[in-house]
Protein backbone atom coordinates (compact mmCIF):
# COMPACT_ATOMS: atom_id res chain seq x y z
CA ILE A 1 -119.65 -21.84 16.51
CA ASN A 2 -118.26 -24.52 18.86
CA ARG A 3 -119.25 -22.46 21.87
CA THR A 4 -118.59 -24.86 24.75
CA GLU A 5 -114.98 -25.50 23.68
CA ARG A 6 -114.56 -21.89 22.48
CA ARG A 7 -113.23 -23.08 19.12
CA ALA A 8 -114.02 -22.44 15.51
CA ALA A 9 -115.45 -25.24 13.39
CA LEU A 10 -113.65 -24.78 10.10
CA HIS A 11 -113.37 -28.26 8.65
CA THR A 12 -114.52 -26.86 5.31
CA ALA A 13 -111.12 -25.12 5.11
CA LEU A 14 -109.54 -28.56 4.81
CA ARG A 15 -110.81 -28.78 1.25
CA ALA A 16 -110.56 -25.14 0.21
CA PRO A 17 -108.58 -24.68 -3.01
CA LYS A 18 -105.27 -22.81 -3.15
CA GLY A 19 -105.90 -19.10 -3.46
CA GLU A 20 -109.10 -19.00 -1.38
CA CYS A 21 -108.87 -16.93 1.82
CA ILE A 22 -110.42 -18.23 5.03
CA LEU A 23 -109.56 -16.07 8.04
CA LEU A 24 -109.37 -17.19 11.64
CA ASP A 25 -108.36 -14.45 14.06
CA GLY A 26 -107.06 -12.49 11.13
CA VAL A 27 -104.88 -15.32 9.76
CA ASP A 28 -105.58 -17.08 6.46
CA VAL A 29 -105.56 -20.81 7.28
CA VAL A 30 -105.66 -22.09 3.68
CA PRO A 31 -101.87 -21.83 3.02
CA GLU A 32 -101.20 -23.94 6.17
CA VAL A 33 -103.70 -26.56 4.97
CA HIS A 34 -102.01 -26.90 1.58
CA ALA A 35 -98.52 -26.95 3.13
CA VAL A 36 -99.58 -30.07 5.03
CA LEU A 37 -101.25 -31.56 1.91
CA ASP A 38 -98.05 -31.00 -0.06
CA LYS A 39 -96.00 -32.61 2.71
CA MET A 40 -98.35 -35.62 2.68
CA ALA A 41 -98.10 -35.93 -1.09
CA GLU A 42 -94.29 -35.86 -0.98
CA PHE A 43 -94.21 -38.51 1.72
CA THR A 44 -96.70 -40.62 -0.26
CA ARG A 45 -94.43 -40.37 -3.32
CA LYS A 46 -91.43 -41.55 -1.31
CA ILE A 47 -93.31 -44.58 -0.02
CA HIS A 48 -94.65 -45.49 -3.44
CA VAL A 49 -91.35 -45.30 -5.30
CA GLY A 50 -89.37 -46.95 -2.48
CA GLU A 51 -87.36 -43.87 -1.64
CA TRP A 52 -88.47 -44.11 2.04
CA ARG A 53 -87.17 -47.38 3.39
CA GLY A 54 -87.23 -49.14 6.69
CA PHE A 55 -84.27 -49.32 9.07
CA THR A 56 -82.83 -52.40 7.43
CA GLY A 57 -83.19 -50.95 3.91
CA LEU A 58 -86.31 -52.82 2.89
CA ALA A 59 -89.19 -51.01 1.18
CA ILE A 60 -92.34 -50.31 3.15
CA ARG A 61 -95.04 -52.80 2.20
CA ASN A 62 -97.34 -52.54 5.21
CA VAL A 63 -98.94 -49.44 6.74
CA VAL A 64 -100.70 -49.62 10.13
CA ASN A 65 -102.85 -46.59 11.17
CA ILE A 66 -103.05 -46.31 14.97
CA GLY A 67 -105.82 -44.00 16.19
CA ILE A 68 -109.28 -44.06 17.69
CA GLY A 69 -112.58 -42.29 17.02
CA GLY A 70 -112.17 -39.78 14.20
CA SER A 71 -108.54 -40.79 13.87
CA ASP A 72 -109.67 -44.30 12.90
CA LEU A 73 -113.26 -44.41 11.72
CA GLY A 74 -112.78 -41.95 8.85
CA PRO A 75 -109.54 -43.37 7.51
CA ALA A 76 -110.74 -46.97 7.92
CA MET A 77 -114.01 -46.19 6.15
CA ALA A 78 -112.26 -44.24 3.34
CA TYR A 79 -109.76 -47.06 2.74
CA GLU A 80 -112.55 -49.67 2.38
CA ALA A 81 -114.68 -47.31 0.29
CA LEU A 82 -111.88 -46.49 -2.12
CA ARG A 83 -110.13 -49.84 -2.05
CA HIS A 84 -110.75 -50.22 -5.78
CA TYR A 85 -108.36 -47.26 -6.35
CA SER A 86 -105.75 -48.43 -3.83
CA GLN A 87 -102.13 -49.46 -4.25
CA ARG A 88 -102.47 -53.21 -4.05
CA ASN A 89 -98.78 -53.67 -3.25
CA LEU A 90 -99.38 -51.92 0.11
CA THR A 91 -101.15 -53.81 2.89
CA MET A 92 -103.27 -51.39 4.97
CA ARG A 93 -104.29 -52.17 8.57
CA PHE A 94 -106.09 -50.15 11.25
CA VAL A 95 -105.67 -50.50 14.99
CA SER A 96 -107.96 -48.59 17.36
CA ASN A 97 -109.22 -50.73 20.19
CA VAL A 98 -107.12 -50.85 23.40
CA ASP A 99 -107.99 -54.54 23.46
CA GLY A 100 -104.62 -56.16 22.67
CA THR A 101 -106.32 -58.54 20.28
CA ASP A 102 -106.78 -55.67 17.83
CA PHE A 103 -103.01 -55.05 17.57
CA ALA A 104 -102.14 -58.78 17.68
CA GLU A 105 -104.38 -59.69 14.80
CA ALA A 106 -103.48 -56.59 12.72
CA THR A 107 -99.75 -57.38 12.88
CA ARG A 108 -99.83 -61.21 13.03
CA ASP A 109 -98.71 -61.74 9.41
CA LEU A 110 -96.54 -58.62 9.16
CA ILE A 111 -92.83 -58.14 9.68
CA PRO A 112 -91.39 -54.99 11.32
CA GLU A 113 -88.73 -54.48 8.61
CA GLU A 114 -91.43 -53.64 6.04
CA THR A 115 -94.00 -51.98 8.32
CA LEU A 116 -94.77 -48.27 8.81
CA PHE A 117 -96.94 -47.06 11.71
CA ILE A 118 -98.89 -43.83 11.51
CA VAL A 119 -99.74 -42.66 15.08
CA CYS A 120 -102.73 -40.32 14.94
CA SER A 121 -103.32 -38.28 18.10
CA LYS A 122 -103.83 -34.49 18.18
CA THR A 123 -102.44 -34.22 21.71
CA PHE A 124 -100.24 -37.35 21.55
CA LYS A 125 -101.76 -38.23 24.88
CA THR A 126 -104.85 -40.30 23.93
CA LEU A 127 -104.77 -43.33 26.22
CA GLU A 128 -105.82 -45.99 23.71
CA THR A 129 -103.70 -44.61 20.90
CA LEU A 130 -100.55 -44.20 22.98
CA THR A 131 -100.95 -47.66 24.52
CA ASN A 132 -101.18 -49.21 21.04
CA ALA A 133 -98.29 -47.04 19.80
CA GLN A 134 -96.10 -48.17 22.66
CA THR A 135 -96.94 -51.77 21.91
CA ALA A 136 -96.06 -51.14 18.24
CA ARG A 137 -92.80 -49.58 19.36
CA ASP A 138 -91.94 -52.62 21.49
CA TRP A 139 -92.89 -54.88 18.57
CA VAL A 140 -90.43 -53.09 16.26
CA LEU A 141 -87.60 -52.92 18.83
CA HIS A 142 -88.02 -56.59 19.76
CA LYS A 143 -87.10 -57.52 16.18
CA LEU A 144 -84.77 -54.71 15.15
CA GLY A 145 -83.14 -53.99 18.49
CA ASP A 146 -82.09 -50.40 17.80
CA GLU A 147 -83.87 -47.23 18.97
CA ARG A 148 -82.88 -45.55 15.71
CA ALA A 149 -85.38 -47.88 13.94
CA ILE A 150 -88.28 -45.97 15.40
CA ALA A 151 -87.61 -42.92 13.20
CA ARG A 152 -87.86 -45.10 10.07
CA HIS A 153 -90.94 -47.08 11.03
CA PHE A 154 -93.15 -44.42 12.70
CA VAL A 155 -94.58 -41.10 11.62
CA ALA A 156 -97.13 -39.04 13.56
CA VAL A 157 -100.26 -36.95 12.85
CA SER A 158 -100.27 -34.62 15.85
CA THR A 159 -99.80 -31.07 17.16
CA ASN A 160 -97.51 -32.14 20.03
CA ALA A 161 -94.00 -32.03 18.61
CA GLU A 162 -92.44 -32.54 22.03
CA GLY A 163 -94.42 -35.68 22.74
CA VAL A 164 -93.70 -37.00 19.24
CA ALA A 165 -89.96 -36.43 19.63
CA LYS A 166 -89.93 -38.06 23.09
CA PHE A 167 -91.52 -41.14 21.56
CA GLY A 168 -88.63 -41.31 19.06
CA ILE A 169 -90.35 -39.95 15.95
CA ASP A 170 -88.51 -37.22 14.10
CA PRO A 171 -90.71 -34.07 14.39
CA GLN A 172 -89.93 -33.50 10.69
CA HIS A 173 -92.06 -36.55 10.12
CA MET A 174 -95.02 -35.12 12.05
CA PHE A 175 -98.01 -34.01 9.96
CA GLY A 176 -99.93 -31.29 11.71
CA PHE A 177 -103.57 -30.31 11.98
CA TRP A 178 -105.55 -27.81 13.98
CA ASP A 179 -108.01 -27.54 16.86
CA TRP A 180 -110.60 -26.01 14.52
CA ALA A 181 -111.03 -29.39 12.81
CA GLY A 182 -112.81 -31.82 15.14
CA GLY A 183 -111.87 -35.48 15.02
CA ARG A 184 -115.00 -36.68 13.38
CA TYR A 185 -114.65 -33.97 10.70
CA SER A 186 -110.96 -34.64 10.00
CA MET A 187 -110.70 -37.48 7.52
CA ASP A 188 -109.70 -35.00 4.79
CA SER A 189 -106.87 -33.59 6.92
CA ALA A 190 -103.48 -35.20 7.78
CA ILE A 191 -105.61 -37.78 9.62
CA GLY A 192 -106.19 -39.09 6.10
CA LEU A 193 -102.53 -39.79 5.50
CA SER A 194 -103.27 -43.52 5.39
CA THR A 195 -105.95 -42.82 2.79
CA MET A 196 -103.50 -40.87 0.60
CA LEU A 197 -100.91 -43.63 0.94
CA ALA A 198 -103.51 -46.14 -0.17
CA ILE A 199 -105.03 -44.28 -3.15
CA GLY A 200 -102.35 -41.69 -4.06
CA ALA A 201 -102.29 -37.93 -3.89
CA GLU A 202 -104.24 -37.40 -7.08
CA ASN A 203 -107.19 -39.48 -5.91
CA PHE A 204 -107.01 -37.84 -2.49
CA HIS A 205 -107.35 -34.42 -4.04
CA ALA A 206 -110.27 -35.73 -6.16
CA MET A 207 -111.91 -36.69 -2.85
CA LEU A 208 -111.32 -33.18 -1.54
CA SER A 209 -112.94 -31.72 -4.65
CA GLY A 210 -116.04 -33.80 -3.87
CA PHE A 211 -116.16 -32.38 -0.37
CA ARG A 212 -115.68 -28.91 -1.79
CA ALA A 213 -118.50 -29.32 -4.34
CA MET A 214 -120.95 -30.24 -1.60
CA ASP A 215 -119.66 -27.37 0.57
CA GLN A 216 -120.40 -24.96 -2.23
CA HIS A 217 -123.80 -26.50 -2.90
CA PHE A 218 -124.74 -26.17 0.83
CA ARG A 219 -123.56 -22.62 0.93
CA SER A 220 -125.28 -21.39 -2.21
CA ALA A 221 -128.25 -23.58 -3.21
CA PRO A 222 -131.77 -22.31 -2.40
CA LEU A 223 -133.17 -24.07 0.67
CA ALA A 224 -135.84 -25.80 -1.36
CA HIS A 225 -133.17 -27.47 -3.52
CA ASN A 226 -130.40 -27.76 -0.89
CA LEU A 227 -129.63 -31.44 -0.34
CA PRO A 228 -128.06 -31.27 3.14
CA VAL A 229 -130.82 -28.93 4.31
CA LEU A 230 -133.54 -31.25 2.96
CA MET A 231 -131.89 -34.32 4.47
CA GLY A 232 -131.47 -32.50 7.80
CA LEU A 233 -135.11 -31.38 7.79
CA LEU A 234 -136.33 -34.91 7.01
CA ALA A 235 -134.30 -36.26 9.94
CA VAL A 236 -135.84 -33.72 12.29
CA TRP A 237 -139.31 -34.33 10.85
CA TYR A 238 -139.22 -38.09 11.43
CA ASN A 239 -137.33 -37.84 14.75
CA ASN A 240 -139.47 -35.16 16.37
CA PHE A 241 -142.88 -35.55 14.79
CA PHE A 242 -143.10 -39.32 14.16
CA ASP A 243 -141.00 -40.49 17.12
CA ALA A 244 -138.62 -42.34 14.82
CA GLN A 245 -135.73 -43.23 17.16
CA THR A 246 -133.33 -44.68 14.60
CA VAL A 247 -132.17 -44.17 11.04
CA ALA A 248 -130.99 -47.17 8.94
CA VAL A 249 -128.16 -46.49 6.48
CA LEU A 250 -128.20 -49.12 3.78
CA PRO A 251 -125.46 -48.85 1.17
CA TYR A 252 -125.98 -51.13 -1.82
CA GLU A 253 -122.26 -51.12 -2.42
CA GLN A 254 -119.92 -53.50 -0.61
CA TYR A 255 -117.11 -50.97 -0.58
CA LEU A 256 -119.25 -48.80 1.69
CA LYS A 257 -119.54 -51.47 4.35
CA ARG A 258 -117.91 -49.28 7.02
CA PHE A 259 -119.93 -46.18 6.09
CA PRO A 260 -122.71 -46.79 8.66
CA ALA A 261 -120.10 -47.14 11.45
CA TYR A 262 -118.46 -43.91 10.31
CA LEU A 263 -121.83 -42.12 10.31
CA GLN A 264 -122.50 -43.35 13.84
CA GLN A 265 -119.74 -41.11 15.20
CA LEU A 266 -120.52 -38.19 12.83
CA THR A 267 -124.19 -38.11 13.73
CA MET A 268 -124.46 -39.34 17.27
CA GLU A 269 -121.29 -37.72 18.73
CA SER A 270 -122.32 -34.45 17.06
CA ASN A 271 -125.98 -34.28 18.02
CA GLY A 272 -126.34 -36.64 20.96
CA LYS A 273 -126.80 -33.70 23.35
CA HIS A 274 -129.34 -33.03 26.11
CA VAL A 275 -128.86 -29.24 26.61
CA THR A 276 -129.14 -26.27 24.27
CA LEU A 277 -126.37 -23.86 23.45
CA ASP A 278 -127.52 -21.88 26.43
CA GLY A 279 -127.22 -24.83 28.80
CA VAL A 280 -130.93 -25.42 29.15
CA ARG A 281 -132.27 -29.02 29.28
CA VAL A 282 -134.07 -29.76 26.04
CA ASP A 283 -137.72 -30.95 26.15
CA TYR A 284 -137.55 -32.65 22.77
CA GLN A 285 -135.64 -35.53 21.21
CA THR A 286 -132.28 -34.79 19.63
CA ALA A 287 -130.11 -37.21 17.57
CA PRO A 288 -131.58 -40.57 16.51
CA ILE A 289 -129.47 -43.71 16.51
CA TYR A 290 -127.78 -44.46 13.20
CA TRP A 291 -127.04 -48.03 12.14
CA GLY A 292 -126.95 -50.22 9.11
CA GLU A 293 -125.32 -52.86 6.90
CA PRO A 294 -124.68 -53.17 3.19
CA GLY A 295 -127.44 -54.55 0.96
CA THR A 296 -128.46 -57.20 0.27
CA ASN A 297 -127.08 -58.70 3.52
CA GLY A 298 -129.52 -56.74 5.67
CA GLN A 299 -132.47 -58.03 3.73
CA HIS A 300 -131.87 -61.44 5.23
CA SER A 301 -131.31 -60.03 8.70
CA PHE A 302 -133.23 -57.04 9.97
CA TYR A 303 -135.40 -55.86 7.11
CA GLN A 304 -138.22 -57.97 8.53
CA LEU A 305 -138.55 -55.44 11.38
CA ILE A 306 -138.35 -52.48 9.03
CA HIS A 307 -141.18 -53.87 6.88
CA GLN A 308 -143.51 -55.42 9.43
CA GLY A 309 -142.28 -54.27 12.88
CA THR A 310 -144.07 -51.77 15.09
CA ARG A 311 -141.31 -49.10 14.94
CA LEU A 312 -141.05 -46.51 12.20
CA ILE A 313 -137.45 -46.62 10.83
CA PRO A 314 -136.55 -44.06 8.14
CA CYS A 315 -133.95 -45.55 5.76
CA ASP A 316 -131.18 -43.99 3.65
CA PHE A 317 -130.55 -46.21 0.64
CA ILE A 318 -127.27 -45.52 -1.24
CA GLY A 319 -126.68 -46.98 -4.69
CA PHE A 320 -124.62 -46.52 -7.90
CA CYS A 321 -125.59 -46.91 -11.54
CA GLN A 322 -122.24 -48.36 -12.48
CA THR A 323 -120.32 -51.07 -10.66
CA LEU A 324 -116.58 -51.00 -10.16
CA ASN A 325 -116.44 -54.79 -10.55
CA PRO A 326 -118.57 -55.92 -13.46
CA LEU A 327 -119.24 -59.64 -12.94
CA GLY A 328 -122.10 -61.13 -14.94
CA HIS A 329 -125.41 -59.57 -13.92
CA HIS A 330 -124.51 -59.13 -10.26
CA HIS A 331 -124.94 -55.33 -10.31
CA ASP A 332 -128.38 -55.45 -11.92
CA LEU A 333 -129.51 -57.96 -9.31
CA LEU A 334 -128.12 -55.73 -6.53
CA MET A 335 -129.84 -52.63 -7.78
CA ALA A 336 -133.08 -54.44 -8.54
CA ASN A 337 -133.18 -55.31 -4.84
CA LEU A 338 -132.58 -51.67 -3.84
CA PHE A 339 -135.42 -50.43 -6.04
CA ALA A 340 -137.69 -53.27 -4.91
CA GLN A 341 -137.08 -52.54 -1.21
CA THR A 342 -137.83 -48.85 -1.43
CA GLU A 343 -141.00 -49.57 -3.44
CA ALA A 344 -142.12 -52.22 -0.94
CA LEU A 345 -141.46 -49.96 2.01
CA ALA A 346 -143.41 -47.13 0.42
CA PHE A 347 -146.46 -48.98 -0.87
CA GLY A 348 -146.50 -52.31 0.95
CA LYS A 349 -149.08 -54.97 0.16
CA THR A 350 -152.73 -54.64 1.11
CA ALA A 351 -154.98 -57.34 2.57
CA GLN A 352 -156.97 -57.25 -0.70
CA GLN A 353 -153.87 -57.99 -2.71
CA VAL A 354 -152.96 -60.86 -0.39
CA GLU A 355 -156.46 -62.34 -0.58
CA ALA A 356 -156.50 -62.01 -4.40
CA GLU A 357 -153.50 -64.31 -4.44
CA GLY A 358 -155.57 -67.02 -2.82
CA THR A 359 -153.89 -66.79 0.53
CA PRO A 360 -155.85 -68.61 3.32
CA ASP A 361 -157.66 -66.28 5.70
CA TRP A 362 -155.65 -67.50 8.65
CA LEU A 363 -152.35 -66.63 6.90
CA ALA A 364 -153.36 -63.42 5.21
CA PRO A 365 -152.66 -61.01 8.16
CA HIS A 366 -149.08 -62.28 8.32
CA ARG A 367 -148.47 -61.43 4.63
CA VAL A 368 -149.79 -57.90 4.73
CA PHE A 369 -147.24 -55.02 4.42
CA GLU A 370 -148.61 -51.76 5.66
CA GLY A 371 -146.16 -49.65 3.65
CA ASN A 372 -145.83 -45.92 4.23
CA ARG A 373 -142.26 -46.48 5.57
CA PRO A 374 -140.08 -43.48 4.70
CA THR A 375 -136.91 -43.89 2.56
CA THR A 376 -134.41 -41.57 0.97
CA THR A 377 -132.44 -42.92 -2.00
CA LEU A 378 -129.09 -41.47 -2.93
CA LEU A 379 -128.30 -42.69 -6.48
CA ALA A 380 -124.96 -41.65 -7.96
CA GLU A 381 -123.30 -42.62 -11.24
CA ARG A 382 -120.28 -44.41 -9.75
CA LEU A 383 -118.36 -44.70 -6.49
CA THR A 384 -115.25 -42.51 -7.03
CA PRO A 385 -113.06 -40.56 -4.65
CA LYS A 386 -114.99 -37.39 -5.61
CA THR A 387 -118.33 -39.08 -4.99
CA LEU A 388 -117.23 -40.26 -1.57
CA GLY A 389 -116.12 -36.72 -0.65
CA SER A 390 -119.54 -35.32 -1.62
CA LEU A 391 -121.37 -38.10 0.22
CA VAL A 392 -119.50 -37.49 3.46
CA ALA A 393 -119.91 -33.70 3.21
CA LEU A 394 -123.64 -34.21 2.51
CA TYR A 395 -124.02 -35.97 5.85
CA GLU A 396 -121.74 -33.44 7.62
CA HIS A 397 -123.88 -30.48 6.61
CA SER A 398 -127.11 -32.43 7.28
CA VAL A 399 -125.86 -33.02 10.84
CA PHE A 400 -125.11 -29.34 11.20
CA THR A 401 -128.60 -28.43 9.91
CA GLN A 402 -130.21 -30.65 12.53
CA GLY A 403 -128.07 -29.17 15.30
CA VAL A 404 -129.12 -25.63 14.33
CA ILE A 405 -132.78 -26.58 14.53
CA TRP A 406 -132.27 -28.32 17.88
CA ASN A 407 -130.16 -25.37 19.11
CA ILE A 408 -127.34 -27.60 20.25
CA ASP A 409 -123.55 -27.60 19.82
CA SER A 410 -122.80 -30.17 17.08
CA PHE A 411 -119.03 -29.80 17.53
CA ASP A 412 -118.27 -30.73 21.12
CA GLN A 413 -118.26 -34.18 22.78
CA TRP A 414 -118.32 -33.83 26.55
CA GLY A 415 -120.13 -37.12 26.78
CA VAL A 416 -116.88 -39.04 26.27
CA GLU A 417 -115.10 -37.43 29.21
CA LEU A 418 -116.79 -38.99 32.29
CA GLY A 419 -116.10 -42.59 31.30
CA LYS A 420 -112.48 -41.71 30.45
CA ALA A 421 -111.95 -40.14 33.85
CA LEU A 422 -113.51 -43.11 35.72
CA ALA A 423 -111.40 -45.50 33.67
CA GLU A 424 -108.17 -43.75 34.65
CA ARG A 425 -109.23 -44.06 38.32
CA THR A 426 -110.04 -47.73 37.87
CA ILE A 427 -106.87 -48.82 36.06
CA PRO A 428 -104.63 -48.92 39.14
CA GLU A 429 -107.34 -50.80 41.05
CA LEU A 430 -107.21 -53.58 38.40
CA GLU A 431 -103.40 -53.65 38.27
CA SER A 432 -102.58 -53.41 41.99
CA ARG A 433 -100.91 -56.51 43.49
CA GLN A 434 -102.50 -55.70 46.82
CA GLU A 435 -106.24 -55.73 47.35
CA PRO A 436 -107.14 -52.07 46.75
CA PRO A 437 -109.81 -50.14 48.70
CA LEU A 438 -112.80 -49.69 46.44
CA ALA A 439 -115.14 -46.73 46.65
CA HIS A 440 -117.42 -47.28 43.67
CA ASP A 441 -121.05 -48.31 43.80
CA SER A 442 -121.74 -51.86 45.08
CA SER A 443 -122.25 -53.31 41.57
CA THR A 444 -118.93 -51.88 40.22
CA ASN A 445 -117.09 -52.97 43.39
CA ALA A 446 -118.37 -56.49 42.96
CA LEU A 447 -117.43 -56.59 39.30
CA ILE A 448 -113.90 -55.38 39.98
CA ARG A 449 -113.41 -57.95 42.79
CA ARG A 450 -114.61 -60.75 40.46
CA TYR A 451 -112.31 -59.56 37.73
CA ARG A 452 -109.30 -59.46 40.01
CA ARG A 453 -110.08 -62.91 41.45
CA LEU A 454 -110.42 -64.62 38.04
CA LYS A 455 -107.46 -62.70 36.64
CA ARG A 456 -105.27 -64.04 39.44
CA HIS A 457 -106.63 -67.51 38.87
CA ARG A 458 -105.36 -67.37 35.27
CA GLU A 459 -101.97 -66.04 36.34
């Protein structure tokens, strides 16, 4: 169904149980999936018990995931979301930005002898990832001084065995995945190796079972009771019939602080398209902008606009009946705020109610809440690995539902290509010691010249 890239979209196979048969071109892909999961579990065991050691014989105490996009956002979100279940004797870090500051700060308090890098790149050619991986390689060699150290401090998640070997990583320590699982749909594949290292194989499989449960619900539940379908229809309803340009995702759970950022890629990279599957320019709005922050922080930041602004902003509230960290009455206060916000957004406060409180006439209009602001509340018992899997799959299938209605390809991402190509053309212009001829537009030319001038001034 990924027509423009002529690929299957089979991410649901990543959580299929052993024994299920999912055919692609006549080949059952499920055994391959479980072979990789078993390999991940064995590697995780070796790290946890100290069987896998660094080049100098020290146990691994730090794991740094190097990736970008789906190779970073999913693992980073999952680690934060499931941190309560994590191995606290392992320090987990994530490097994605090609800005050197990201790597510098991630490794500032680490030592190479105890650090393992996971390089996540399907092609092993992604510019940002390979740049950071090379910097990590230099960092290790600067301290350990032996090329053989690379094989003990790096593993790869990739399909390019030749590129992995050339880097110095033993291909036996490469964890594979497939082109039928797009990056933003891959956190439950080998891309989730850092997640498994953090929470263990048992919890990782519990997360997969949560994905699977929602997959089965989406496949079998009647449309009127199908959660991803209903969520997708609501998104289309407010986007296309009420001109709601954004959706706020508001988790009342600190562990889900990276969930809105994860959803930004899942939703906007999937459905941010301007042509139909047939290549015809759409004459309607497609994906809205997703954004958000954990509650109650947002209440003291942007909720003012949601309550009394002129834009309609549908909100997804996410809460849990049980806290993972029972401290006094913190959780009741947190959830009271969630319920209060959804009630206030729905019903508001009328002018009559404001006046009945004795509010002066001049102030009354400022204290009126119009209400009728749409919200969806997802209320689960507890944040567990299984719950997280179901939550992510819920949004995955909701995104697909929206894409079907809009008649677009939710699984390609051609919009990232143009900027990448222009950046590759621009890099030598920034690095050249001689003044290069510039053939960009006048604004870009001026910016490049200013950059080069001030860069030389610093040097």
